Amino acid sequence: MIMLNRAMASKIGCVGLLVGLLSGCAAMDQDQCAVADWYEVGRTQGGQGRDSQSYKNYVEACSEFAIDVDTNAYQVGWEDGIDLYCAADNGFDEGVQGNGYSNTCPAALHDGFFSAYQLGRAIRTHSQRISELQVALDKVIDRATRSDVTDEQLGILRRERKHLKRDIQEAEYKLSRARQEAQDNGFRVAYY
């Protein structure tokens, strides 16, 4: 059995709190409610693109222990976090990663974020399309090389291969254009 001293247990508890808060977990126990840095909780929530009203989950959880949430500190933190989240570079990254967007950016930041987000999503979508088409093409080629394929089936498979190659070229062109647009707008473009 492992014995922990009080200082070690406290550190582990703080790490647990931090992990829970960073993952967006709203259910907090009494100790977590008592020691929470509400500015940091708000900053984390804003930095993850969560709604400014998400503090209400914390108010509900902590009210069970008669502990008040410092909503002013939370809101200031949320505003700092949402400013980081709503930066155009982050919008682009969120789009490329395929993350959803819940329309949480303030009006002043929304257009820049959303435009970059859509560009990132386009890159992701075209990359995925190319991968899907390549898998389909590989299957067609595999079927065409089997010994039990009739001449009629082979003709169908050749036409299918031709269409798939054309579709891949079209998707590659769209991906290339989206990447170029991203680079022209100063975004760091990785090749997927």
Protein backbone atom coordinates (compact mmCIF):
# COMPACT_ATOMS: atom_id res chain seq x y z
CA MET A 1 0.00 0.00 0.00
CA ILE A 2 1.35 3.42 -0.97
CA MET A 3 1.23 6.08 1.73
CA LEU A 4 1.02 9.73 0.70
CA ASN A 5 1.93 12.61 2.93
CA ARG A 6 -0.44 15.57 3.11
CA ALA A 7 1.68 17.78 0.78
CA MET A 8 1.84 15.05 -1.87
CA ALA A 9 -1.89 14.40 -1.61
CA SER A 10 -2.54 18.13 -1.99
CA LYS A 11 -0.38 18.28 -5.13
CA ILE A 12 -2.16 15.28 -6.61
CA GLY A 13 -5.51 16.89 -5.80
CA CYS A 14 -4.46 20.11 -7.54
CA VAL A 15 -3.30 18.18 -10.58
CA GLY A 16 -6.64 16.35 -10.62
CA LEU A 17 -8.48 19.65 -10.39
CA LEU A 18 -6.43 21.13 -13.21
CA VAL A 19 -6.97 18.10 -15.44
CA GLY A 20 -10.70 18.16 -14.74
CA LEU A 21 -11.02 21.86 -15.40
CA LEU A 22 -8.94 21.78 -18.55
CA SER A 23 -11.04 19.00 -19.98
CA GLY A 24 -14.15 21.12 -19.52
CA CYS A 25 -15.51 19.05 -16.69
CA ALA A 26 -18.19 21.05 -14.87
CA ALA A 27 -18.92 18.59 -12.06
CA MET A 28 -16.72 19.71 -9.19
CA ASP A 29 -16.44 18.38 -5.69
CA GLN A 30 -16.33 20.54 -2.59
CA ASP A 31 -12.53 20.79 -2.47
CA GLN A 32 -12.35 21.76 -6.12
CA CYS A 33 -14.99 24.43 -5.64
CA ALA A 34 -13.15 25.79 -2.60
CA VAL A 35 -9.75 26.13 -4.27
CA ALA A 36 -10.74 26.98 -7.84
CA ASP A 37 -9.05 29.95 -9.47
CA TRP A 38 -12.13 31.24 -11.26
CA TYR A 39 -10.13 33.49 -13.56
CA GLU A 40 -8.18 30.42 -14.79
CA VAL A 41 -11.35 28.34 -15.06
CA GLY A 42 -12.91 31.06 -17.23
CA ARG A 43 -9.74 31.48 -19.26
CA THR A 44 -9.60 27.75 -19.92
CA GLN A 45 -13.26 27.62 -20.92
CA GLY A 46 -12.88 30.62 -23.23
CA GLY A 47 -9.65 29.19 -24.64
CA GLN A 48 -11.57 26.05 -25.61
CA GLY A 49 -14.26 28.10 -27.36
CA ARG A 50 -16.91 27.32 -24.78
CA ASP A 51 -19.92 29.59 -24.33
CA SER A 52 -19.56 32.46 -21.85
CA GLN A 53 -22.52 31.08 -19.93
CA SER A 54 -20.82 27.77 -19.16
CA TYR A 55 -19.97 29.13 -15.69
CA LYS A 56 -23.57 28.31 -14.73
CA ASN A 57 -22.60 24.63 -14.51
CA TYR A 58 -19.96 25.55 -11.94
CA VAL A 59 -22.41 27.74 -9.99
CA GLU A 60 -24.81 24.80 -9.82
CA ALA A 61 -22.13 22.30 -8.78
CA CYS A 62 -20.56 24.56 -6.13
CA SER A 63 -23.88 25.76 -4.73
CA GLU A 64 -24.42 22.23 -3.44
CA PHE A 65 -21.55 22.98 -1.02
CA ALA A 66 -22.65 26.58 -0.32
CA ILE A 67 -19.56 27.85 -2.15
CA ASP A 68 -19.92 30.90 -4.37
CA VAL A 69 -18.33 31.07 -7.79
CA ASP A 70 -16.52 34.35 -8.47
CA THR A 71 -18.42 35.02 -11.69
CA ASN A 72 -16.62 38.33 -12.28
CA ALA A 73 -13.21 36.62 -12.22
CA TYR A 74 -14.61 33.82 -14.39
CA GLN A 75 -15.94 36.33 -16.95
CA VAL A 76 -12.66 38.26 -17.12
CA GLY A 77 -10.80 34.98 -17.61
CA TRP A 78 -13.31 33.81 -20.21
CA GLU A 79 -12.86 37.03 -22.17
CA ASP A 80 -9.08 36.60 -22.15
CA GLY A 81 -9.44 32.95 -23.20
CA ILE A 82 -11.98 33.60 -25.95
CA ASP A 83 -9.68 36.27 -27.41
CA LEU A 84 -7.01 33.59 -27.80
CA TYR A 85 -9.46 31.02 -29.14
CA CYS A 86 -10.94 33.42 -31.69
CA ALA A 87 -7.61 34.39 -33.26
CA ALA A 88 -7.59 33.67 -36.98
CA ASP A 89 -4.59 31.30 -36.65
CA ASN A 90 -6.52 29.23 -34.14
CA GLY A 91 -9.61 29.27 -36.36
CA PHE A 92 -7.55 27.84 -39.19
CA ASP A 93 -6.08 25.14 -36.93
CA GLU A 94 -9.52 24.26 -35.53
CA GLY A 95 -10.84 23.85 -39.08
CA VAL A 96 -7.91 21.71 -40.25
CA GLN A 97 -8.32 19.49 -37.17
CA GLY A 98 -12.01 19.03 -37.94
CA ASN A 99 -13.18 20.52 -34.66
CA GLY A 100 -16.66 21.95 -34.44
CA TYR A 101 -17.39 25.62 -33.92
CA SER A 102 -20.27 26.72 -31.69
CA ASN A 103 -20.44 30.36 -32.82
CA THR A 104 -18.95 31.57 -29.53
CA CYS A 105 -16.61 34.25 -30.86
CA PRO A 106 -17.62 37.85 -30.13
CA ALA A 107 -18.81 39.83 -33.17
CA ALA A 108 -15.53 41.76 -33.42
CA LEU A 109 -13.55 38.52 -33.78
CA HIS A 110 -16.08 36.26 -35.49
CA ASP A 111 -15.44 37.12 -39.16
CA GLY A 112 -11.66 36.67 -39.00
CA PHE A 113 -11.96 33.44 -37.01
CA PHE A 114 -14.75 31.97 -39.11
CA SER A 115 -13.14 32.80 -42.45
CA ALA A 116 -9.92 31.09 -41.33
CA TYR A 117 -11.92 28.21 -39.85
CA GLN A 118 -13.71 27.60 -43.15
CA LEU A 119 -10.42 27.64 -45.04
CA GLY A 120 -8.98 25.08 -42.62
CA ARG A 121 -12.10 22.92 -43.00
CA ALA A 122 -11.77 23.09 -46.79
CA ILE A 123 -8.21 21.76 -46.57
CA ARG A 124 -9.34 18.96 -44.29
CA THR A 125 -12.33 18.11 -46.49
CA HIS A 126 -10.27 17.98 -49.70
CA SER A 127 -7.55 15.91 -48.00
CA GLN A 128 -10.11 13.42 -46.73
CA ARG A 129 -11.79 13.27 -50.13
CA ILE A 130 -8.48 12.43 -51.80
CA SER A 131 -7.85 9.66 -49.26
CA GLU A 132 -11.32 8.19 -49.77
CA LEU A 133 -10.99 8.30 -53.55
CA GLN A 134 -7.54 6.69 -53.39
CA VAL A 135 -8.94 3.82 -51.31
CA ALA A 136 -11.73 3.35 -53.86
CA LEU A 137 -9.22 3.44 -56.71
CA ASP A 138 -7.02 0.86 -55.00
CA LYS A 139 -10.04 -1.44 -54.63
CA VAL A 140 -10.92 -1.07 -58.31
CA ILE A 141 -7.35 -1.83 -59.35
CA ASP A 142 -7.30 -4.84 -57.04
CA ARG A 143 -10.57 -6.18 -58.50
CA ALA A 144 -9.29 -5.63 -62.05
CA THR A 145 -6.21 -7.79 -61.42
CA ARG A 146 -8.17 -10.84 -60.26
CA SER A 147 -8.20 -13.79 -62.61
CA ASP A 148 -11.97 -14.34 -62.42
CA VAL A 149 -12.88 -10.91 -63.90
CA THR A 150 -14.78 -11.09 -67.17
CA ASP A 151 -14.03 -8.79 -70.11
CA GLU A 152 -17.28 -6.93 -69.48
CA GLN A 153 -16.40 -6.42 -65.79
CA LEU A 154 -12.91 -5.32 -66.77
CA GLY A 155 -14.38 -2.66 -69.08
CA ILE A 156 -16.58 -1.37 -66.25
CA LEU A 157 -13.62 -1.34 -63.85
CA ARG A 158 -11.48 0.60 -66.35
CA ARG A 159 -14.18 3.26 -66.71
CA GLU A 160 -14.53 3.41 -62.95
CA ARG A 161 -10.76 3.77 -62.58
CA LYS A 162 -10.76 6.60 -65.13
CA HIS A 163 -13.52 8.45 -63.25
CA LEU A 164 -11.80 7.97 -59.91
CA LYS A 165 -8.49 9.28 -61.27
CA ARG A 166 -10.31 12.33 -62.66
CA ASP A 167 -12.03 12.89 -59.30
CA ILE A 168 -8.68 12.60 -57.49
CA GLN A 169 -7.13 15.17 -59.81
CA GLU A 170 -10.05 17.54 -59.21
CA ALA A 171 -9.79 17.13 -55.43
CA GLU A 172 -6.01 17.62 -55.57
CA TYR A 173 -6.52 20.83 -57.53
CA LYS A 174 -9.05 22.11 -54.96
CA LEU A 175 -6.70 21.17 -52.14
CA SER A 176 -3.82 22.93 -53.85
CA ARG A 177 -5.91 26.10 -54.26
CA ALA A 178 -7.04 26.01 -50.62
CA ARG A 179 -3.44 25.52 -49.44
CA GLN A 180 -2.28 28.39 -51.61
CA GLU A 181 -5.03 30.64 -50.26
CA ALA A 182 -4.03 29.69 -46.72
CA GLN A 183 -0.38 30.48 -47.42
CA ASP A 184 -1.34 33.77 -49.08
CA ASN A 185 -3.21 34.66 -45.89
CA GLY A 186 -0.19 33.86 -43.73
CA PHE A 187 -1.31 30.53 -42.30
CA ARG A 188 1.17 27.75 -41.68
CA VAL A 189 0.11 24.92 -43.94
CA ALA A 190 1.17 21.37 -43.16
CA TYR A 191 0.76 18.71 -45.82
CA TYR A 192 -1.79 16.12 -44.83
